[in-house]
Amino acid sequence: MVIIEVVSGEKSENIRGLLSQVGTDYVDIKKSDGKVVTILQSQILKIVWLDRKKASPLDRAKYVGDFHSEEDGDFLEDFEE
């Protein structure tokens, strides 16, 4: 699970989800609604990793749609610097 702060012009937003694909200049994030968003490397300001433990694909599946874990609070405070 990641939160990526993305900038486009003067607008910035946070995109939250699971890494789906990673390329040399982009990442694809699968959001809780199932949509996949492609983010170019040049648009990424900050990445916050919410689950640092290594998990099998079956373990990761339980995070899809469940973006309100108790440990998110500490990470989100750091993210809002």
PDB file of N, CA and C in Angstrom:
ATOM      1  N   MET A   1       0.850  -1.165   0.000  1.00  0.00           N
ATOM      2  CA  MET A   1       0.000   0.000   0.000  1.00  0.00           C
ATOM      3  C   MET A   1       0.896   1.229   0.000  1.00  0.00           C
ATOM      4  N   VAL A   2       0.567   2.196  -0.855  1.00  0.00           N
ATOM      5  CA  VAL A   2       1.337   3.428  -0.938  1.00  0.00           C
ATOM      6  C   VAL A   2       0.405   4.628  -1.059  1.00  0.00           C
ATOM      7  N   ILE A   3       0.925   5.770  -0.675  1.00  0.00           N
ATOM      8  CA  ILE A   3       0.312   7.056  -0.996  1.00  0.00           C
ATOM      9  C   ILE A   3       1.360   7.801  -1.805  1.00  0.00           C
ATOM     10  N   ILE A   4       0.972   8.269  -2.977  1.00  0.00           N
ATOM     11  CA  ILE A   4       1.893   9.014  -3.825  1.00  0.00           C
ATOM     12  C   ILE A   4       1.348  10.426  -3.998  1.00  0.00           C
ATOM     13  N   GLU A   5       2.188  11.403  -3.649  1.00  0.00           N
ATOM     14  CA  GLU A   5       1.822  12.794  -3.878  1.00  0.00           C
ATOM     15  C   GLU A   5       2.250  13.144  -5.302  1.00  0.00           C
ATOM     16  N   VAL A   6       1.279  13.570  -6.096  1.00  0.00           N
ATOM     17  CA  VAL A   6       1.475  13.822  -7.517  1.00  0.00           C
ATOM     18  C   VAL A   6       1.238  15.296  -7.799  1.00  0.00           C
ATOM     19  N   VAL A   7       2.062  15.877  -8.673  1.00  0.00           N
ATOM     20  CA  VAL A   7       1.881  17.279  -9.056  1.00  0.00           C
ATOM     21  C   VAL A   7       1.688  17.361 -10.565  1.00  0.00           C
ATOM     22  N   SER A   8       0.764  18.233 -10.954  1.00  0.00           N
ATOM     23  CA  SER A   8       0.515  18.520 -12.362  1.00  0.00           C
ATOM     24  C   SER A   8       0.258  20.021 -12.464  1.00  0.00           C
ATOM     25  N   GLY A   9       1.242  20.744 -12.975  1.00  0.00           N
ATOM     26  CA  GLY A   9       1.138  22.200 -12.985  1.00  0.00           C
ATOM     27  C   GLY A   9       1.186  22.715 -11.561  1.00  0.00           C
ATOM     28  N   GLU A  10       0.185  23.501 -11.167  1.00  0.00           N
ATOM     29  CA  GLU A  10       0.120  24.022  -9.802  1.00  0.00           C
ATOM     30  C   GLU A  10      -0.722  23.139  -8.888  1.00  0.00           C
ATOM     31  N   LYS A  11      -1.384  22.146  -9.449  1.00  0.00           N
ATOM     32  CA  LYS A  11      -2.271  21.268  -8.686  1.00  0.00           C
ATOM     33  C   LYS A  11      -1.501  20.049  -8.177  1.00  0.00           C
ATOM     34  N   SER A  12      -1.763  19.669  -6.924  1.00  0.00           N
ATOM     35  CA  SER A  12      -1.198  18.424  -6.402  1.00  0.00           C
ATOM     36  C   SER A  12      -2.307  17.618  -5.751  1.00  0.00           C
ATOM     37  N   GLU A  13      -2.135  16.296  -5.749  1.00  0.00           N
ATOM     38  CA  GLU A  13      -3.113  15.412  -5.115  1.00  0.00           C
ATOM     39  C   GLU A  13      -2.407  14.168  -4.608  1.00  0.00           C
ATOM     40  N   ASN A  14      -3.069  13.476  -3.701  1.00  0.00           N
ATOM     41  CA  ASN A  14      -2.555  12.223  -3.149  1.00  0.00           C
ATOM     42  C   ASN A  14      -3.332  11.069  -3.757  1.00  0.00           C
ATOM     43  N   ILE A  15      -2.601  10.088  -4.262  1.00  0.00           N
ATOM     44  CA  ILE A  15      -3.221   8.888  -4.819  1.00  0.00           C
ATOM     45  C   ILE A  15      -2.807   7.718  -3.940  1.00  0.00           C
ATOM     46  N   ARG A  16      -3.794   6.950  -3.519  1.00  0.00           N
ATOM     47  CA  ARG A  16      -3.564   5.865  -2.569  1.00  0.00           C
ATOM     48  C   ARG A  16      -3.998   4.543  -3.181  1.00  0.00           C
ATOM     49  N   GLY A  17      -3.167   3.512  -3.043  1.00  0.00           N
ATOM     50  CA  GLY A  17      -3.520   2.203  -3.571  1.00  0.00           C
ATOM     51  C   GLY A  17      -2.352   1.245  -3.518  1.00  0.00           C
ATOM     52  N   LEU A  18      -2.469   0.194  -4.299  1.00  0.00           N
ATOM     53  CA  LEU A  18      -1.435  -0.839  -4.391  1.00  0.00           C
ATOM     54  C   LEU A  18      -0.643  -0.668  -5.672  1.00  0.00           C
ATOM     55  N   LEU A  19       0.665  -0.868  -5.591  1.00  0.00           N
ATOM     56  CA  LEU A  19       1.469  -0.849  -6.810  1.00  0.00           C
ATOM     57  C   LEU A  19       1.026  -1.998  -7.702  1.00  0.00           C
ATOM     58  N   SER A  20       0.747  -1.681  -8.943  1.00  0.00           N
ATOM     59  CA  SER A  20       0.290  -2.686  -9.892  1.00  0.00           C
ATOM     60  C   SER A  20       1.392  -3.032 -10.887  1.00  0.00           C
ATOM     61  N   GLN A  21       1.981  -2.023 -11.496  1.00  0.00           N
ATOM     62  CA  GLN A  21       3.084  -2.180 -12.448  1.00  0.00           C
ATOM     63  C   GLN A  21       4.113  -1.091 -12.159  1.00  0.00           C
ATOM     64  N   VAL A  22       5.378  -1.397 -12.444  1.00  0.00           N
ATOM     65  CA  VAL A  22       6.438  -0.406 -12.302  1.00  0.00           C
ATOM     66  C   VAL A  22       7.288  -0.456 -13.562  1.00  0.00           C
ATOM     67  N   GLY A  23       7.476   0.706 -14.186  1.00  0.00           N
ATOM     68  CA  GLY A  23       8.306   0.807 -15.372  1.00  0.00           C
ATOM     69  C   GLY A  23       9.487   1.714 -15.103  1.00  0.00           C
ATOM     70  N   THR A  24      10.256   1.993 -16.132  1.00  0.00           N
ATOM     71  CA  THR A  24      11.433   2.839 -15.955  1.00  0.00           C
ATOM     72  C   THR A  24      11.072   4.293 -15.677  1.00  0.00           C
ATOM     73  N   ASP A  25       9.906   4.743 -16.132  1.00  0.00           N
ATOM     74  CA  ASP A  25       9.518   6.144 -15.919  1.00  0.00           C
ATOM     75  C   ASP A  25       8.069   6.303 -15.457  1.00  0.00           C
ATOM     76  N   TYR A  26       7.461   5.239 -14.940  1.00  0.00           N
ATOM     77  CA  TYR A  26       6.073   5.314 -14.482  1.00  0.00           C
ATOM     78  C   TYR A  26       5.788   4.254 -13.431  1.00  0.00           C
ATOM     79  N   VAL A  27       4.676   4.450 -12.714  1.00  0.00           N
ATOM     80  CA  VAL A  27       4.115   3.410 -11.852  1.00  0.00           C
ATOM     81  C   VAL A  27       2.617   3.365 -12.102  1.00  0.00           C
ATOM     82  N   ASP A  28       2.041   2.194 -12.012  1.00  0.00           N
ATOM     83  CA  ASP A  28       0.589   2.020 -12.059  1.00  0.00           C
ATOM     84  C   ASP A  28       0.123   1.702 -10.652  1.00  0.00           C
ATOM     85  N   ILE A  29      -0.896   2.417 -10.190  1.00  0.00           N
ATOM     86  CA  ILE A  29      -1.468   2.219  -8.864  1.00  0.00           C
ATOM     87  C   ILE A  29      -2.897   1.722  -9.021  1.00  0.00           C
ATOM     88  N   LYS A  30      -3.226   0.614  -8.359  1.00  0.00           N
ATOM     89  CA  LYS A  30      -4.593   0.109  -8.351  1.00  0.00           C
ATOM     90  C   LYS A  30      -5.295   0.674  -7.121  1.00  0.00           C
ATOM     91  N   LYS A  31      -6.327   1.498  -7.365  1.00  0.00           N
ATOM     92  CA  LYS A  31      -7.067   2.145  -6.288  1.00  0.00           C
ATOM     93  C   LYS A  31      -8.123   1.195  -5.725  1.00  0.00           C
ATOM     94  N   SER A  32      -8.726   1.580  -4.612  1.00  0.00           N
ATOM     95  CA  SER A  32      -9.704   0.723  -3.935  1.00  0.00           C
ATOM     96  C   SER A  32     -10.935   0.448  -4.782  1.00  0.00           C
ATOM     97  N   ASP A  33     -11.250   1.340  -5.718  1.00  0.00           N
ATOM     98  CA  ASP A  33     -12.408   1.121  -6.593  1.00  0.00           C
ATOM     99  C   ASP A  33     -12.073   0.248  -7.800  1.00  0.00           C
ATOM    100  N   GLY A  34     -10.834  -0.247  -7.870  1.00  0.00           N
ATOM    101  CA  GLY A  34     -10.415  -1.129  -8.955  1.00  0.00           C
ATOM    102  C   GLY A  34      -9.801  -0.411 -10.141  1.00  0.00           C
ATOM    103  N   LYS A  35      -9.891   0.906 -10.175  1.00  0.00           N
ATOM    104  CA  LYS A  35      -9.301   1.672 -11.277  1.00  0.00           C
ATOM    105  C   LYS A  35      -7.787   1.684 -11.146  1.00  0.00           C
ATOM    106  N   VAL A  36      -7.104   1.632 -12.292  1.00  0.00           N
ATOM    107  CA  VAL A  36      -5.652   1.701 -12.317  1.00  0.00           C
ATOM    108  C   VAL A  36      -5.252   3.080 -12.846  1.00  0.00           C
ATOM    109  N   VAL A  37      -4.396   3.752 -12.090  1.00  0.00           N
ATOM    110  CA  VAL A  37      -3.921   5.085 -12.449  1.00  0.00           C
ATOM    111  C   VAL A  37      -2.434   4.986 -12.788  1.00  0.00           C
ATOM    112  N   THR A  38      -2.044   5.520 -13.946  1.00  0.00           N
ATOM    113  CA  THR A  38      -0.635   5.569 -14.330  1.00  0.00           C
ATOM    114  C   THR A  38      -0.066   6.921 -13.941  1.00  0.00           C
ATOM    115  N   ILE A  39       1.066   6.893 -13.236  1.00  0.00           N
ATOM    116  CA  ILE A  39       1.717   8.120 -12.786  1.00  0.00           C
ATOM    117  C   ILE A  39       3.126   8.155 -13.361  1.00  0.00           C
ATOM    118  N   LEU A  40       3.441   9.231 -14.068  1.00  0.00           N
ATOM    119  CA  LEU A  40       4.784   9.395 -14.616  1.00  0.00           C
ATOM    120  C   LEU A  40       5.751   9.797 -13.510  1.00  0.00           C
ATOM    121  N   GLN A  41       6.983   9.321 -13.619  1.00  0.00           N
ATOM    122  CA  GLN A  41       7.998   9.605 -12.607  1.00  0.00           C
ATOM    123  C   GLN A  41       8.179  11.111 -12.418  1.00  0.00           C
ATOM    124  N   SER A  42       8.094  11.876 -13.483  1.00  0.00           N
ATOM    125  CA  SER A  42       8.298  13.324 -13.401  1.00  0.00           C
ATOM    126  C   SER A  42       7.207  14.030 -12.603  1.00  0.00           C
ATOM    127  N   GLN A  43       6.078  13.364 -12.348  1.00  0.00           N
ATOM    128  CA  GLN A  43       4.974  13.955 -11.592  1.00  0.00           C
ATOM    129  C   GLN A  43       4.974  13.560 -10.120  1.00  0.00           C
ATOM    130  N   ILE A  44       5.854  12.657  -9.712  1.00  0.00           N
ATOM    131  CA  ILE A  44       5.868  12.154  -8.331  1.00  0.00           C
ATOM    132  C   ILE A  44       6.689  13.082  -7.442  1.00  0.00           C
ATOM    133  N   LEU A  45       6.033  13.591  -6.384  1.00  0.00           N
ATOM    134  CA  LEU A  45       6.732  14.428  -5.402  1.00  0.00           C
ATOM    135  C   LEU A  45       7.203  13.609  -4.210  1.00  0.00           C
ATOM    136  N   LYS A  46       6.341  12.689  -3.737  1.00  0.00           N
ATOM    137  CA  LYS A  46       6.651  11.943  -2.517  1.00  0.00           C
ATOM    138  C   LYS A  46       5.911  10.611  -2.535  1.00  0.00           C
ATOM    139  N   ILE A  47       6.564   9.585  -1.995  1.00  0.00           N
ATOM    140  CA  ILE A  47       5.947   8.269  -1.851  1.00  0.00           C
ATOM    141  C   ILE A  47       6.010   7.873  -0.384  1.00  0.00           C
ATOM    142  N   VAL A  48       4.877   7.459   0.154  1.00  0.00           N
ATOM    143  CA  VAL A  48       4.814   6.957   1.528  1.00  0.00           C
ATOM    144  C   VAL A  48       4.369   5.505   1.467  1.00  0.00           C
ATOM    145  N   TRP A  49       5.200   4.611   1.997  1.00  0.00           N
ATOM    146  CA  TRP A  49       4.883   3.175   2.023  1.00  0.00           C
ATOM    147  C   TRP A  49       4.122   2.883   3.299  1.00  0.00           C
ATOM    148  N   LEU A  50       2.908   2.391   3.175  1.00  0.00           N
ATOM    149  CA  LEU A  50       2.076   2.132   4.349  1.00  0.00           C
ATOM    150  C   LEU A  50       2.225   0.731   4.902  1.00  0.00           C
ATOM    151  N   ASP A  51       2.689  -0.212   4.108  1.00  0.00           N
ATOM    152  CA  ASP A  51       2.893  -1.579   4.611  1.00  0.00           C
ATOM    153  C   ASP A  51       4.294  -2.016   4.236  1.00  0.00           C
ATOM    154  N   ARG A  52       5.183  -1.909   5.174  1.00  0.00           N
ATOM    155  CA  ARG A  52       6.588  -2.197   4.898  1.00  0.00           C
ATOM    156  C   ARG A  52       6.938  -3.679   5.021  1.00  0.00           C
ATOM    157  N   LYS A  53       6.041  -4.484   5.559  1.00  0.00           N
ATOM    158  CA  LYS A  53       6.353  -5.911   5.669  1.00  0.00           C
ATOM    159  C   LYS A  53       6.246  -6.570   4.297  1.00  0.00           C
ATOM    160  N   LYS A  54       7.003  -7.629   4.109  1.00  0.00           N
ATOM    161  CA  LYS A  54       6.898  -8.377   2.861  1.00  0.00           C
ATOM    162  C   LYS A  54       5.683  -9.284   2.963  1.00  0.00           C
ATOM    163  N   ALA A  55       4.877  -9.270   1.919  1.00  0.00           N
ATOM    164  CA  ALA A  55       3.648 -10.050   1.942  1.00  0.00           C
ATOM    165  C   ALA A  55       3.527 -10.840   0.647  1.00  0.00           C
ATOM    166  N   SER A  56       2.919 -11.989   0.756  1.00  0.00           N
ATOM    167  CA  SER A  56       2.647 -12.790  -0.432  1.00  0.00           C
ATOM    168  C   SER A  56       1.483 -12.142  -1.183  1.00  0.00           C
ATOM    169  N   PRO A  57       1.277 -12.491  -2.458  1.00  0.00           N
ATOM    170  CA  PRO A  57       0.135 -11.940  -3.193  1.00  0.00           C
ATOM    171  C   PRO A  57      -1.198 -12.183  -2.486  1.00  0.00           C
ATOM    172  N   LEU A  58      -1.343 -13.319  -1.802  1.00  0.00           N
ATOM    173  CA  LEU A  58      -2.585 -13.583  -1.077  1.00  0.00           C
ATOM    174  C   LEU A  58      -2.744 -12.639   0.102  1.00  0.00           C
ATOM    175  N   ASP A  59      -1.642 -12.330   0.794  1.00  0.00           N
ATOM    176  CA  ASP A  59      -1.698 -11.376   1.901  1.00  0.00           C
ATOM    177  C   ASP A  59      -2.044  -9.987   1.393  1.00  0.00           C
ATOM    178  N   ARG A  60      -1.463  -9.596   0.249  1.00  0.00           N
ATOM    179  CA  ARG A  60      -1.716  -8.262  -0.300  1.00  0.00           C
ATOM    180  C   ARG A  60      -3.179  -8.098  -0.696  1.00  0.00           C
ATOM    181  N   ALA A  61      -3.822  -9.172  -1.113  1.00  0.00           N
ATOM    182  CA  ALA A  61      -5.210  -9.090  -1.577  1.00  0.00           C
ATOM    183  C   ALA A  61      -6.135  -8.572  -0.482  1.00  0.00           C
ATOM    184  N   LYS A  62      -5.812  -8.831   0.775  1.00  0.00           N
ATOM    185  CA  LYS A  62      -6.682  -8.374   1.858  1.00  0.00           C
ATOM    186  C   LYS A  62      -6.652  -6.855   2.017  1.00  0.00           C
ATOM    187  N   TYR A  63      -5.622  -6.180   1.480  1.00  0.00           N
ATOM    188  CA  TYR A  63      -5.537  -4.730   1.590  1.00  0.00           C
ATOM    189  C   TYR A  63      -6.380  -4.010   0.547  1.00  0.00           C
ATOM    190  N   VAL A  64      -6.736  -4.670  -0.529  1.00  0.00           N
ATOM    191  CA  VAL A  64      -7.518  -4.021  -1.575  1.00  0.00           C
ATOM    192  C   VAL A  64      -8.857  -3.609  -0.997  1.00  0.00           C
ATOM    193  N   GLY A  65      -9.149  -2.334  -1.065  1.00  0.00           N
ATOM    194  CA  GLY A  65     -10.401  -1.825  -0.545  1.00  0.00           C
ATOM    195  C   GLY A  65     -10.380  -1.508   0.943  1.00  0.00           C
ATOM    196  N   ASP A  66      -9.333  -1.911   1.654  1.00  0.00           N
ATOM    197  CA  ASP A  66      -9.256  -1.649   3.089  1.00  0.00           C
ATOM    198  C   ASP A  66      -8.137  -0.641   3.334  1.00  0.00           C
ATOM    199  N   PHE A  67      -8.460   0.637   3.178  1.00  0.00           N
ATOM    200  CA  PHE A  67      -7.441   1.658   3.280  1.00  0.00           C
ATOM    201  C   PHE A  67      -7.527   2.446   4.580  1.00  0.00           C
ATOM    202  N   HIS A  68      -8.039   1.834   5.624  1.00  0.00           N
ATOM    203  CA  HIS A  68      -8.209   2.548   6.883  1.00  0.00           C
ATOM    204  C   HIS A  68      -7.587   1.766   8.039  1.00  0.00           C
ATOM    205  N   SER A  69      -6.352   1.333   7.863  1.00  0.00           N
ATOM    206  CA  SER A  69      -5.724   0.576   8.936  1.00  0.00           C
ATOM    207  C   SER A  69      -5.328   1.514  10.082  1.00  0.00           C
ATOM    208  N   GLU A  70      -5.182   0.967  11.268  1.00  0.00           N
ATOM    209  CA  GLU A  70      -4.858   1.765  12.443  1.00  0.00           C
ATOM    210  C   GLU A  70      -3.495   2.412  12.332  1.00  0.00           C
ATOM    211  N   GLU A  71      -2.555   1.778  11.627  1.00  0.00           N
ATOM    212  CA  GLU A  71      -1.212   2.331  11.550  1.00  0.00           C
ATOM    213  C   GLU A  71      -1.097   3.455  10.528  1.00  0.00           C
ATOM    214  N   ASP A  72      -2.119   3.699   9.721  1.00  0.00           N
ATOM    215  CA  ASP A  72      -2.073   4.775   8.731  1.00  0.00           C
ATOM    216  C   ASP A  72      -1.873   6.134   9.374  1.00  0.00           C
ATOM    217  N   GLY A  73      -2.409   6.357  10.552  1.00  0.00           N
ATOM    218  CA  GLY A  73      -2.364   7.664  11.194  1.00  0.00           C
ATOM    219  C   GLY A  73      -0.961   8.221  11.323  1.00  0.00           C
ATOM    220  N   ASP A  74      -0.015   7.428  11.834  1.00  0.00           N
ATOM    221  CA  ASP A  74       1.361   7.903  12.002  1.00  0.00           C
ATOM    222  C   ASP A  74       1.986   8.264  10.663  1.00  0.00           C
ATOM    223  N   PHE A  75       1.780   7.436   9.664  1.00  0.00           N
ATOM    224  CA  PHE A  75       2.356   7.704   8.349  1.00  0.00           C
ATOM    225  C   PHE A  75       1.736   8.949   7.720  1.00  0.00           C
ATOM    226  N   LEU A  76       0.428   9.126   7.890  1.00  0.00           N
ATOM    227  CA  LEU A  76      -0.236  10.279   7.301  1.00  0.00           C
ATOM    228  C   LEU A  76       0.247  11.570   7.946  1.00  0.00           C
ATOM    229  N   GLU A  77       0.561  11.559   9.234  1.00  0.00           N
ATOM    230  CA  GLU A  77       1.089  12.752   9.882  1.00  0.00           C
ATOM    231  C   GLU A  77       2.429  13.131   9.262  1.00  0.00           C
ATOM    232  N   ASP A  78       3.288  12.138   9.003  1.00  0.00           N
ATOM    233  CA  ASP A  78       4.573  12.404   8.359  1.00  0.00           C
ATOM    234  C   ASP A  78       4.364  12.906   6.938  1.00  0.00           C
ATOM    235  N   PHE A  79       3.344  12.426   6.283  1.00  0.00           N
ATOM    236  CA  PHE A  79       3.086  12.763   4.890  1.00  0.00           C
ATOM    237  C   PHE A  79       2.663  14.217   4.735  1.00  0.00           C
ATOM    238  N   GLU A  80       2.044  14.793   5.741  1.00  0.00           N
ATOM    239  CA  GLU A  80       1.497  16.144   5.653  1.00  0.00           C
ATOM    240  C   GLU A  80       2.507  17.221   6.021  1.00  0.00           C
ATOM    241  N   GLU A  81       3.783  16.910   6.056  1.00  0.00           N
ATOM    242  CA  GLU A  81       4.837  17.869   6.435  1.00  0.00           C
ATOM    243  C   GLU A  81       4.764  19.137   5.641  1.00  0.00           C
TER     244      GLU A  81
END
